[in-house]
Amino acid sequence: MADRQLILDTVFQRLREVIPALRDGEPDAEKDLREYPEFDSLGVLEILVWLESEFSLVIPDEELVVDRFSTPAKIVDYIVASQS
């Protein structure tokens, strides 16, 4: 899956399941997800496990840094870079 917009749409779909506040309004790829209470350590873990499963990734421990996954755009950047 190399289409950046398709990846972003897929990521937003999952984020809406984890963060109900994202269900309303226009998606913002630069929105800091840490502003939502659901994006706590458990929410981050849920997203990371989903990313590994959905995109056939293995995220090394040294890359498990919240800043790397703090916005939908950064999540997509990570996926795209990992698939290259």
Protein backbone atom coordinates (compact mmCIF):
# COMPACT_ATOMS: atom_id res chain seq x y z
CA MET A 1 0.00 0.00 0.00
CA ALA A 2 1.94 2.98 -1.25
CA ASP A 3 -0.80 5.57 -1.76
CA ARG A 4 -0.25 8.14 0.98
CA GLN A 5 -3.88 9.33 0.97
CA LEU A 6 -5.17 5.76 1.25
CA ILE A 7 -2.84 5.15 4.19
CA LEU A 8 -3.99 8.39 5.84
CA ASP A 9 -7.65 7.44 5.35
CA THR A 10 -7.01 4.02 6.88
CA VAL A 11 -5.18 5.57 9.84
CA PHE A 12 -7.99 8.10 10.41
CA GLN A 13 -10.57 5.33 10.30
CA ARG A 14 -8.76 3.49 13.10
CA LEU A 15 -8.08 6.65 15.11
CA ARG A 16 -11.80 7.45 15.05
CA GLU A 17 -12.45 4.09 16.70
CA VAL A 18 -9.94 4.81 19.47
CA ILE A 19 -10.57 8.55 19.87
CA PRO A 20 -14.31 9.33 19.68
CA ALA A 21 -13.70 13.11 19.45
CA LEU A 22 -12.22 12.55 15.97
CA ARG A 23 -15.53 11.20 14.66
CA ASP A 24 -16.92 14.70 14.18
CA GLY A 25 -15.45 17.39 12.01
CA GLU A 26 -12.82 17.46 9.35
CA PRO A 27 -9.74 15.28 9.93
CA ASP A 28 -6.53 17.20 10.61
CA ALA A 29 -3.34 15.27 9.78
CA GLU A 30 -1.25 17.68 11.89
CA LYS A 31 -3.42 17.49 15.03
CA ASP A 32 -1.41 16.41 18.06
CA LEU A 33 -3.11 13.25 19.29
CA ARG A 34 -1.65 13.74 22.76
CA GLU A 35 -4.35 16.36 23.30
CA TYR A 36 -6.95 13.59 23.57
CA PRO A 37 -7.29 11.67 26.85
CA GLU A 38 -7.80 8.41 24.92
CA PHE A 39 -4.30 8.72 23.47
CA ASP A 40 -2.75 7.64 26.75
CA SER A 41 -0.26 4.81 27.09
CA LEU A 42 -2.95 2.20 26.45
CA GLY A 43 -4.31 4.11 23.44
CA VAL A 44 -0.82 4.49 21.97
CA LEU A 45 -0.16 0.78 22.49
CA GLU A 46 -3.45 -0.11 20.80
CA ILE A 47 -2.55 2.04 17.78
CA LEU A 48 0.98 0.60 17.56
CA VAL A 49 -0.26 -3.00 17.69
CA TRP A 50 -2.82 -2.17 15.02
CA LEU A 51 -0.14 -0.52 12.83
CA GLU A 52 2.05 -3.61 13.01
CA SER A 53 -0.87 -5.84 12.09
CA GLU A 54 -2.53 -3.66 9.45
CA PHE A 55 0.65 -2.66 7.61
CA SER A 56 2.80 -5.75 8.30
CA LEU A 57 5.33 -3.70 10.26
CA VAL A 58 7.69 -4.58 13.05
CA ILE A 59 8.35 -1.48 15.13
CA PRO A 60 11.69 -1.89 16.93
CA ASP A 61 11.75 -1.00 20.63
CA GLU A 62 14.12 1.92 20.05
CA GLU A 63 11.53 3.50 17.72
CA LEU A 64 8.70 3.28 20.25
CA VAL A 65 8.72 6.98 21.00
CA VAL A 66 5.39 8.78 21.32
CA ASP A 67 6.72 11.84 19.43
CA ARG A 68 7.23 9.64 16.37
CA PHE A 69 3.50 8.79 16.35
CA SER A 70 2.00 11.97 17.83
CA THR A 71 0.06 13.11 14.73
CA PRO A 72 -1.71 11.23 11.93
CA ALA A 73 0.82 12.71 9.47
CA LYS A 74 3.75 11.35 11.50
CA ILE A 75 2.09 7.94 11.64
CA VAL A 76 1.72 7.96 7.85
CA ASP A 77 5.33 9.13 7.43
CA TYR A 78 6.47 6.20 9.55
CA ILE A 79 4.41 3.71 7.56
CA VAL A 80 5.62 5.04 4.21
CA ALA A 81 9.26 5.03 5.34
CA SER A 82 8.91 1.49 6.69
CA GLN A 83 7.46 0.21 3.45
CA SER A 84 10.23 1.66 1.29
